[in-house]
Amino acid sequence: MSMSTKSTTCDGSNGEPLTEYPSEATALEAARYASKHYRSDLVPYRCSRCDYWHLSRRSRNTPSDRCSFCTSSSGEPKDSYRSERDAVRRAQIIREERGLQLQVYACPHNQGWHLTRG
């Protein structure tokens, strides 16, 4: 099984620390293991917060990058979703998990799609 540790910076939707993988290869190995042994459909993604790799259920996966131009109200770079569909899906997930109603809009700098509280 691959080398992994529990994150000190990133938590899952259940509030528990996410598992960190040092490379895409080790995350892919863990996803394959979970599929084979637990029938879990997981995909690896590189975290823009900690720069490690985590696993996500395929149904929750909405790839994003940090926008080079736009910031949140707290001054942090905004997540930029590659497609409007991915941004809408992330907004739905956040609404289901946290009860927050978010709006989707195109980045004014053509860096993808962002979320806002409206």
N, C-alpha and C. Protein backbone atom coordinates (compact mmCIF):
# COMPACT_ATOMS: atom_id res chain seq x y z
N MET A 1 0.85 -1.18 0.00
CA MET A 1 0.00 0.00 0.00
C MET A 1 0.89 1.24 0.00
N SER A 2 0.37 2.35 -0.46
CA SER A 2 1.17 3.56 -0.65
C SER A 2 1.42 4.31 0.65
N MET A 3 2.46 5.13 0.63
CA MET A 3 2.80 5.96 1.76
C MET A 3 1.81 7.13 1.85
N SER A 4 1.24 7.34 3.03
CA SER A 4 0.29 8.43 3.21
C SER A 4 0.33 8.91 4.66
N THR A 5 -0.17 10.13 4.86
CA THR A 5 -0.28 10.69 6.20
C THR A 5 -1.60 11.44 6.29
N LYS A 6 -2.03 11.72 7.50
CA LYS A 6 -3.23 12.53 7.70
C LYS A 6 -2.85 14.00 7.63
N SER A 7 -3.67 14.77 6.96
CA SER A 7 -3.41 16.19 6.77
C SER A 7 -3.56 16.99 8.06
N THR A 8 -2.74 18.00 8.20
CA THR A 8 -2.87 18.94 9.31
C THR A 8 -3.56 20.22 8.85
N THR A 9 -3.83 20.33 7.53
CA THR A 9 -4.41 21.56 6.99
C THR A 9 -5.75 21.35 6.27
N CYS A 10 -6.02 20.14 5.82
CA CYS A 10 -7.21 19.91 4.98
C CYS A 10 -8.15 18.89 5.62
N ASP A 11 -9.41 19.25 5.73
CA ASP A 11 -10.43 18.37 6.28
C ASP A 11 -11.43 18.00 5.21
N GLY A 12 -12.01 16.81 5.34
CA GLY A 12 -13.05 16.36 4.44
C GLY A 12 -14.40 16.94 4.83
N SER A 13 -15.42 16.59 4.08
CA SER A 13 -16.77 17.10 4.33
C SER A 13 -17.30 16.64 5.69
N ASN A 14 -16.71 15.57 6.24
CA ASN A 14 -17.13 15.08 7.55
C ASN A 14 -16.34 15.71 8.69
N GLY A 15 -15.44 16.65 8.37
CA GLY A 15 -14.64 17.32 9.39
C GLY A 15 -13.37 16.58 9.79
N GLU A 16 -13.18 15.39 9.25
CA GLU A 16 -11.99 14.59 9.57
C GLU A 16 -10.84 14.98 8.63
N PRO A 17 -9.59 14.88 9.12
CA PRO A 17 -8.45 15.20 8.25
C PRO A 17 -8.41 14.30 7.02
N LEU A 18 -8.11 14.90 5.88
CA LEU A 18 -7.95 14.12 4.66
C LEU A 18 -6.62 13.39 4.68
N THR A 19 -6.55 12.31 3.93
CA THR A 19 -5.28 11.61 3.77
C THR A 19 -4.49 12.33 2.68
N GLU A 20 -3.20 12.53 2.93
CA GLU A 20 -2.30 13.18 1.98
C GLU A 20 -1.41 12.13 1.33
N TYR A 21 -1.24 12.27 0.03
CA TYR A 21 -0.33 11.41 -0.72
C TYR A 21 0.73 12.30 -1.34
N PRO A 22 2.00 11.88 -1.30
CA PRO A 22 3.08 12.75 -1.79
C PRO A 22 3.15 12.89 -3.31
N SER A 23 2.49 12.00 -4.04
CA SER A 23 2.56 12.06 -5.50
C SER A 23 1.26 11.54 -6.11
N GLU A 24 1.07 11.87 -7.36
CA GLU A 24 -0.10 11.37 -8.08
C GLU A 24 -0.06 9.84 -8.16
N ALA A 25 1.13 9.29 -8.34
CA ALA A 25 1.27 7.84 -8.45
C ALA A 25 0.81 7.13 -7.18
N THR A 26 1.19 7.65 -6.01
CA THR A 26 0.77 7.00 -4.77
C THR A 26 -0.73 7.18 -4.54
N ALA A 27 -1.27 8.32 -4.94
CA ALA A 27 -2.72 8.55 -4.82
C ALA A 27 -3.48 7.61 -5.75
N LEU A 28 -2.99 7.43 -6.97
CA LEU A 28 -3.62 6.50 -7.92
C LEU A 28 -3.59 5.07 -7.37
N GLU A 29 -2.48 4.69 -6.77
CA GLU A 29 -2.36 3.36 -6.17
C GLU A 29 -3.40 3.18 -5.07
N ALA A 30 -3.57 4.20 -4.24
CA ALA A 30 -4.57 4.14 -3.16
C ALA A 30 -5.99 4.07 -3.72
N ALA A 31 -6.25 4.80 -4.79
CA ALA A 31 -7.58 4.77 -5.42
C ALA A 31 -7.86 3.38 -5.99
N ARG A 32 -6.86 2.77 -6.62
CA ARG A 32 -7.03 1.42 -7.16
C ARG A 32 -7.28 0.41 -6.04
N TYR A 33 -6.55 0.55 -4.95
CA TYR A 33 -6.72 -0.33 -3.79
C TYR A 33 -8.15 -0.21 -3.25
N ALA A 34 -8.62 1.01 -3.08
CA ALA A 34 -9.98 1.24 -2.57
C ALA A 34 -11.03 0.66 -3.52
N SER A 35 -10.77 0.77 -4.80
CA SER A 35 -11.71 0.22 -5.79
C SER A 35 -11.77 -1.30 -5.69
N LYS A 36 -10.61 -1.91 -5.61
CA LYS A 36 -10.53 -3.37 -5.57
C LYS A 36 -11.07 -3.95 -4.27
N HIS A 37 -10.72 -3.35 -3.14
CA HIS A 37 -11.06 -3.91 -1.84
C HIS A 37 -12.35 -3.39 -1.23
N TYR A 38 -12.75 -2.18 -1.60
CA TYR A 38 -13.93 -1.56 -0.99
C TYR A 38 -14.99 -1.13 -2.01
N ARG A 39 -14.70 -1.37 -3.30
CA ARG A 39 -15.60 -0.95 -4.39
C ARG A 39 -15.92 0.54 -4.33
N SER A 40 -14.93 1.31 -3.96
CA SER A 40 -15.06 2.77 -3.89
C SER A 40 -14.54 3.37 -5.19
N ASP A 41 -15.30 4.27 -5.78
CA ASP A 41 -14.90 4.92 -7.02
C ASP A 41 -14.27 6.27 -6.68
N LEU A 42 -12.96 6.25 -6.45
CA LEU A 42 -12.22 7.44 -6.02
C LEU A 42 -11.28 7.91 -7.12
N VAL A 43 -11.04 9.21 -7.14
CA VAL A 43 -10.09 9.80 -8.07
C VAL A 43 -9.14 10.72 -7.30
N PRO A 44 -7.87 10.75 -7.70
CA PRO A 44 -6.93 11.64 -7.04
C PRO A 44 -7.04 13.07 -7.58
N TYR A 45 -6.73 14.03 -6.72
CA TYR A 45 -6.64 15.42 -7.15
C TYR A 45 -5.55 16.11 -6.35
N ARG A 46 -4.90 17.06 -7.00
CA ARG A 46 -3.86 17.83 -6.32
C ARG A 46 -4.52 19.00 -5.61
N CYS A 47 -4.28 19.11 -4.33
CA CYS A 47 -4.90 20.14 -3.50
C CYS A 47 -4.18 21.47 -3.69
N SER A 48 -4.96 22.50 -3.99
CA SER A 48 -4.36 23.83 -4.17
C SER A 48 -4.01 24.47 -2.83
N ARG A 49 -4.51 23.93 -1.74
CA ARG A 49 -4.22 24.48 -0.41
C ARG A 49 -2.89 23.94 0.12
N CYS A 50 -2.71 22.62 0.10
CA CYS A 50 -1.52 22.02 0.73
C CYS A 50 -0.50 21.49 -0.28
N ASP A 51 -0.90 21.40 -1.55
CA ASP A 51 -0.05 20.92 -2.65
C ASP A 51 0.23 19.42 -2.59
N TYR A 52 -0.46 18.68 -1.70
CA TYR A 52 -0.39 17.23 -1.70
C TYR A 52 -1.55 16.69 -2.54
N TRP A 53 -1.60 15.39 -2.68
CA TRP A 53 -2.69 14.73 -3.40
C TRP A 53 -3.66 14.13 -2.39
N HIS A 54 -4.95 14.25 -2.65
CA HIS A 54 -6.02 13.66 -1.86
C HIS A 54 -6.87 12.81 -2.79
N LEU A 55 -7.81 12.07 -2.21
CA LEU A 55 -8.77 11.30 -3.00
C LEU A 55 -10.17 11.87 -2.79
N SER A 56 -10.95 11.80 -3.83
CA SER A 56 -12.34 12.26 -3.78
C SER A 56 -13.21 11.22 -4.46
N ARG A 57 -14.45 11.09 -3.98
CA ARG A 57 -15.40 10.26 -4.72
C ARG A 57 -15.56 10.88 -6.09
N ARG A 58 -15.59 10.06 -7.11
CA ARG A 58 -15.70 10.57 -8.48
C ARG A 58 -16.92 11.49 -8.63
N SER A 59 -18.01 11.16 -7.95
CA SER A 59 -19.24 11.95 -8.05
C SER A 59 -19.10 13.34 -7.43
N ARG A 60 -18.10 13.55 -6.57
CA ARG A 60 -17.88 14.85 -5.92
C ARG A 60 -16.75 15.63 -6.56
N ASN A 61 -16.05 15.02 -7.50
CA ASN A 61 -14.86 15.64 -8.05
C ASN A 61 -15.20 16.79 -8.99
N THR A 62 -14.71 17.96 -8.66
CA THR A 62 -14.88 19.16 -9.49
C THR A 62 -13.52 19.85 -9.55
N PRO A 63 -12.71 19.51 -10.54
CA PRO A 63 -11.35 20.05 -10.61
C PRO A 63 -11.33 21.58 -10.60
N SER A 64 -10.39 22.13 -9.86
CA SER A 64 -10.24 23.59 -9.81
C SER A 64 -8.77 23.95 -9.65
N ASP A 65 -8.47 25.20 -9.96
CA ASP A 65 -7.15 25.78 -9.76
C ASP A 65 -7.36 27.07 -8.99
N ARG A 66 -6.29 27.70 -8.57
CA ARG A 66 -6.38 29.01 -7.93
C ARG A 66 -6.31 30.07 -9.03
N CYS A 67 -7.21 31.03 -8.98
CA CYS A 67 -7.22 32.12 -9.95
C CYS A 67 -6.04 33.05 -9.68
N SER A 68 -5.38 33.47 -10.73
CA SER A 68 -4.23 34.37 -10.60
C SER A 68 -4.64 35.82 -10.36
N PHE A 69 -5.93 36.12 -10.55
CA PHE A 69 -6.39 37.50 -10.47
C PHE A 69 -7.42 37.77 -9.38
N CYS A 70 -8.37 36.86 -9.20
CA CYS A 70 -9.53 37.12 -8.33
C CYS A 70 -9.29 36.61 -6.91
N THR A 71 -9.77 37.37 -5.94
CA THR A 71 -9.63 36.98 -4.54
C THR A 71 -10.98 36.99 -3.84
N SER A 72 -11.04 36.23 -2.77
CA SER A 72 -12.25 36.19 -1.94
C SER A 72 -12.30 37.42 -1.05
N SER A 73 -13.38 37.54 -0.29
CA SER A 73 -13.50 38.67 0.64
C SER A 73 -12.43 38.65 1.72
N SER A 74 -11.85 37.47 1.96
CA SER A 74 -10.77 37.37 2.95
C SER A 74 -9.39 37.56 2.33
N GLY A 75 -9.34 37.84 1.01
CA GLY A 75 -8.08 38.10 0.34
C GLY A 75 -7.38 36.88 -0.23
N GLU A 76 -7.99 35.69 -0.07
CA GLU A 76 -7.41 34.45 -0.61
C GLU A 76 -7.73 34.33 -2.10
N PRO A 77 -6.85 33.72 -2.89
CA PRO A 77 -7.18 33.49 -4.30
C PRO A 77 -8.44 32.63 -4.42
N LYS A 78 -9.31 33.00 -5.35
CA LYS A 78 -10.54 32.24 -5.56
C LYS A 78 -10.24 30.94 -6.30
N ASP A 79 -11.03 29.91 -6.01
CA ASP A 79 -10.97 28.69 -6.81
C ASP A 79 -11.56 29.01 -8.17
N SER A 80 -10.94 28.47 -9.19
CA SER A 80 -11.40 28.67 -10.55
C SER A 80 -11.72 27.30 -11.15
N TYR A 81 -12.99 27.09 -11.47
CA TYR A 81 -13.43 25.81 -12.02
C TYR A 81 -13.30 25.86 -13.54
N ARG A 82 -12.92 24.74 -14.11
CA ARG A 82 -12.62 24.68 -15.54
C ARG A 82 -13.83 24.85 -16.43
N SER A 83 -14.99 24.49 -15.91
CA SER A 83 -16.21 24.61 -16.71
C SER A 83 -17.35 25.12 -15.83
N GLU A 84 -18.34 25.69 -16.47
CA GLU A 84 -19.52 26.14 -15.73
C GLU A 84 -20.18 24.95 -15.05
N ARG A 85 -20.20 23.83 -15.73
CA ARG A 85 -20.79 22.61 -15.16
C ARG A 85 -20.10 22.20 -13.86
N ASP A 86 -18.76 22.24 -13.84
CA ASP A 86 -18.02 21.90 -12.61
C ASP A 86 -18.34 22.89 -11.49
N ALA A 87 -18.44 24.17 -11.82
CA ALA A 87 -18.74 25.19 -10.81
C ALA A 87 -20.15 24.98 -10.25
N VAL A 88 -21.12 24.68 -11.12
CA VAL A 88 -22.49 24.43 -10.67
C VAL A 88 -22.52 23.20 -9.78
N ARG A 89 -21.80 22.17 -10.16
CA ARG A 89 -21.76 20.95 -9.33
C ARG A 89 -21.16 21.24 -7.96
N ARG A 90 -20.06 22.02 -7.91
CA ARG A 90 -19.45 22.36 -6.62
C ARG A 90 -20.44 23.17 -5.78
N ALA A 91 -21.16 24.10 -6.38
CA ALA A 91 -22.15 24.89 -5.64
C ALA A 91 -23.24 23.98 -5.07
N GLN A 92 -23.65 22.97 -5.84
CA GLN A 92 -24.67 22.02 -5.35
C GLN A 92 -24.14 21.22 -4.17
N ILE A 93 -22.91 20.77 -4.26
CA ILE A 93 -22.29 20.00 -3.17
C ILE A 93 -22.21 20.86 -1.91
N ILE A 94 -21.80 22.10 -2.04
CA ILE A 94 -21.69 22.99 -0.88
C ILE A 94 -23.07 23.25 -0.28
N ARG A 95 -24.07 23.43 -1.13
CA ARG A 95 -25.43 23.63 -0.62
C ARG A 95 -25.90 22.42 0.16
N GLU A 96 -25.66 21.21 -0.38
CA GLU A 96 -26.08 19.98 0.29
C GLU A 96 -25.34 19.77 1.61
N GLU A 97 -24.05 20.06 1.64
CA GLU A 97 -23.23 19.79 2.82
C GLU A 97 -23.26 20.89 3.87
N ARG A 98 -23.34 22.14 3.44
CA ARG A 98 -23.24 23.26 4.38
C ARG A 98 -24.45 24.17 4.41
N GLY A 99 -25.39 23.95 3.50
CA GLY A 99 -26.58 24.79 3.45
C GLY A 99 -26.34 26.19 2.91
N LEU A 100 -25.21 26.40 2.22
CA LEU A 100 -24.90 27.71 1.65
C LEU A 100 -25.39 27.78 0.21
N GLN A 101 -26.06 28.85 -0.13
CA GLN A 101 -26.53 29.07 -1.50
C GLN A 101 -25.51 29.94 -2.22
N LEU A 102 -24.84 29.39 -3.22
CA LEU A 102 -23.81 30.11 -3.96
C LEU A 102 -24.23 30.31 -5.41
N GLN A 103 -23.74 31.39 -6.00
CA GLN A 103 -23.98 31.70 -7.40
C GLN A 103 -22.71 31.41 -8.20
N VAL A 104 -22.88 31.07 -9.45
CA VAL A 104 -21.77 30.79 -10.36
C VAL A 104 -21.63 31.96 -11.32
N TYR A 105 -20.39 32.38 -11.59
CA TYR A 105 -20.18 33.44 -12.58
C TYR A 105 -18.85 33.21 -13.30
N ALA A 106 -18.77 33.72 -14.52
CA ALA A 106 -17.55 33.61 -15.32
C ALA A 106 -16.50 34.57 -14.77
N CYS A 107 -15.28 34.11 -14.68
CA CYS A 107 -14.17 34.96 -14.23
C CYS A 107 -14.01 36.12 -15.23
N PRO A 108 -13.92 37.33 -14.72
CA PRO A 108 -13.74 38.46 -15.63
C PRO A 108 -12.39 38.48 -16.34
N HIS A 109 -11.48 37.61 -15.92
CA HIS A 109 -10.15 37.52 -16.52
C HIS A 109 -9.99 36.24 -17.35
N ASN A 110 -11.13 35.63 -17.69
CA ASN A 110 -11.13 34.40 -18.50
C ASN A 110 -10.31 33.27 -17.89
N GLN A 111 -10.40 33.13 -16.56
CA GLN A 111 -9.68 32.06 -15.86
C GLN A 111 -10.60 30.93 -15.44
N GLY A 112 -11.79 30.85 -16.00
CA GLY A 112 -12.72 29.78 -15.65
C GLY A 112 -13.98 30.34 -15.02
N TRP A 113 -14.48 29.63 -14.00
CA TRP A 113 -15.73 29.97 -13.34
C TRP A 113 -15.53 30.02 -11.84
N HIS A 114 -16.17 31.00 -11.19
CA HIS A 114 -16.05 31.19 -9.75
C HIS A 114 -17.40 31.02 -9.07
N LEU A 115 -17.35 30.94 -7.75
CA LEU A 115 -18.54 30.91 -6.91
C LEU A 115 -18.56 32.16 -6.05
N THR A 116 -19.77 32.65 -5.76
CA THR A 116 -19.92 33.79 -4.87
C THR A 116 -21.21 33.63 -4.06
N ARG A 117 -21.23 34.27 -2.93
CA ARG A 117 -22.45 34.22 -2.10
C ARG A 117 -23.54 35.11 -2.68
N GLY A 118 -23.22 35.93 -3.64
CA GLY A 118 -24.23 36.73 -4.34
C GLY A 118 -24.53 37.99 -3.74
